Protein backbone atom coordinates (compact mmCIF):
# COMPACT_ATOMS: atom_id res chain seq x y z
CA UNK A 1 -0.07 0.14 0.17
CA UNK A 2 1.20 3.46 -0.83
CA UNK A 3 0.90 6.61 1.22
CA UNK A 4 -2.24 8.10 -0.47
CA UNK A 5 -4.06 4.42 0.42
CA UNK A 6 -2.98 4.30 4.02
CA UNK A 7 -4.17 8.13 4.41
CA UNK A 8 -7.46 7.12 2.71
CA UNK A 9 -7.86 4.12 5.09
CA UNK A 10 -6.79 6.15 8.08
CA UNK A 11 -9.45 9.07 7.43
CA UNK A 12 -12.08 6.61 5.98
CA UNK A 13 -11.91 5.08 9.40
CA UNK A 14 -11.96 8.42 11.34
CA UNK A 15 -15.16 9.58 9.34
CA UNK A 16 -16.65 6.17 10.61
CA UNK A 17 -15.51 6.15 14.39
CA UNK A 18 -13.79 9.55 15.70
CA UNK A 19 -15.42 11.78 13.36
CA UNK A 20 -18.62 10.01 12.72
CA UNK A 21 -20.82 12.97 14.39
CA UNK A 22 -19.45 15.76 12.09
CA UNK A 23 -19.44 13.91 8.75
CA UNK A 24 -22.40 14.86 6.53
CA UNK A 25 -23.34 13.41 3.37
CA UNK A 26 -23.88 15.59 0.42
CA UNK A 27 -25.08 15.70 -2.96
CA UNK A 28 -23.58 17.72 -5.92
CA UNK A 29 -24.68 19.10 -9.19
CA UNK A 30 -23.35 20.52 -12.39
CA UNK A 31 -24.85 21.76 -15.39
CA UNK A 32 -23.27 20.08 -18.39
CA UNK A 33 -25.62 21.64 -20.94
CA UNK A 34 -29.39 22.36 -22.35
CA UNK A 35 -31.69 19.82 -23.33
CA UNK A 36 -34.06 20.38 -26.73
CA UNK A 37 -36.00 23.38 -27.04
CA UNK A 38 -39.38 22.89 -25.52
CA UNK A 39 -41.73 24.40 -28.15
CA UNK A 40 -44.90 25.50 -25.81
CA UNK A 41 -42.61 27.13 -22.89
CA UNK A 42 -39.94 28.19 -25.83
CA UNK A 43 -37.27 27.12 -22.81
CA UNK A 44 -34.43 24.61 -23.05
CA UNK A 45 -34.11 22.57 -19.84
CA UNK A 46 -30.72 22.30 -18.06
CA UNK A 47 -28.97 19.04 -18.19
CA UNK A 48 -27.34 17.98 -14.82
CA UNK A 49 -25.06 15.38 -13.62
CA UNK A 50 -25.05 14.45 -10.16
CA UNK A 51 -22.89 13.10 -7.46
CA UNK A 52 -22.55 12.27 -4.01
CA UNK A 53 -19.82 11.99 -1.35
CA UNK A 54 -19.44 12.67 2.42
CA UNK A 55 -17.31 15.24 4.56
CA UNK A 56 -16.65 17.56 7.60
CA UNK A 57 -18.35 20.93 6.85
CA UNK A 58 -16.96 23.93 8.74
CA UNK A 59 -15.61 27.14 8.42
CA UNK A 60 -12.29 29.05 7.19
CA UNK A 61 -9.90 30.11 10.07
CA UNK A 62 -10.19 34.00 10.61
CA UNK A 63 -6.60 34.45 9.60
CA UNK A 64 -7.45 33.08 5.90
CA UNK A 65 -10.75 35.36 6.03
CA UNK A 66 -10.00 38.08 3.23
CA UNK A 67 -13.43 39.25 2.78
CA UNK A 68 -13.06 39.08 -1.18
CA UNK A 69 -11.89 35.57 -1.76
CA UNK A 70 -12.86 33.94 1.22
CA UNK A 71 -15.78 35.39 3.33
CA UNK A 72 -16.60 34.81 6.56
CA UNK A 73 -20.00 33.11 5.87
CA UNK A 74 -18.06 30.45 3.53
CA UNK A 75 -18.12 27.09 4.26
CA UNK A 76 -15.02 24.63 4.16
CA UNK A 77 -15.28 20.92 3.11
CA UNK A 78 -12.85 18.39 3.91
CA UNK A 79 -13.72 15.11 1.83
CA UNK A 80 -12.15 11.92 0.93
CA UNK A 81 -11.58 11.61 -2.51
CA UNK A 82 -12.40 8.04 -2.62
CA UNK A 83 -15.94 8.41 -1.57
CA UNK A 84 -16.79 11.39 -3.82
CA UNK A 85 -18.02 10.05 -6.90
CA UNK A 86 -16.86 12.63 -9.16
CA UNK A 87 -14.45 15.58 -8.51
CA UNK A 88 -16.01 18.97 -7.84
CA UNK A 89 -15.83 21.90 -10.28
CA UNK A 90 -16.16 25.51 -9.53
CA UNK A 91 -19.66 26.55 -10.10
CA UNK A 92 -21.31 23.22 -9.08
CA UNK A 93 -23.90 23.03 -6.23
CA UNK A 94 -23.24 21.18 -3.24
CA UNK A 95 -26.01 21.27 -0.64
CA UNK A 96 -27.61 24.27 -1.97
CA UNK A 97 -24.54 26.22 -2.16
CA UNK A 98 -22.15 27.23 -4.89
CA UNK A 99 -18.26 25.58 -5.62
CA UNK A 100 -15.96 28.54 -5.52
CA UNK A 101 -12.82 26.62 -5.28
CA UNK A 102 -11.55 23.19 -4.97
CA UNK A 103 -8.20 21.83 -4.00
CA UNK A 104 -6.28 18.76 -2.77
CA UNK A 105 -3.55 17.67 -0.14
CA UNK A 106 -0.37 16.69 -1.48
CA UNK A 107 -1.28 12.97 -1.08
CA UNK A 108 -4.46 13.27 -3.27
CA UNK A 109 -6.50 12.01 -0.31
CA UNK A 110 -8.97 14.36 0.34
CA UNK A 111 -10.48 17.22 -1.41
CA UNK A 112 -10.84 20.94 0.40
CA UNK A 113 -13.96 22.47 -1.04
CA UNK A 114 -14.92 26.09 -0.72
CA UNK A 115 -18.64 26.58 -0.78
CA UNK A 116 -20.75 29.96 -0.46
CA UNK A 117 -24.74 30.34 0.17
CA UNK A 118 -26.01 31.69 -3.12
């Protein structure tokens, strides 16, 4: 087993035990295009993809909040990459909040996702 596998197993175990009460399941959606035009309403419905995962929802440390890129009201999610069914992308929606940024730890075991209420 490599470092990433070890980290993933350790974090998954922590999600199931020590952090179980702090871990929240989430659903993400991404608009991937527009469907065919409806001749009655003259609109084109959005076509979306959905993905799921679980993570720890929290806030950003006060020393990184700058009021521009990171707001005091933004939410930080730490999610295990192996448990997210698709990589979140900017402008996706997770649990009703807009994805502002997505990062990964150096071992690529977790996603660090910044969410903002819309």
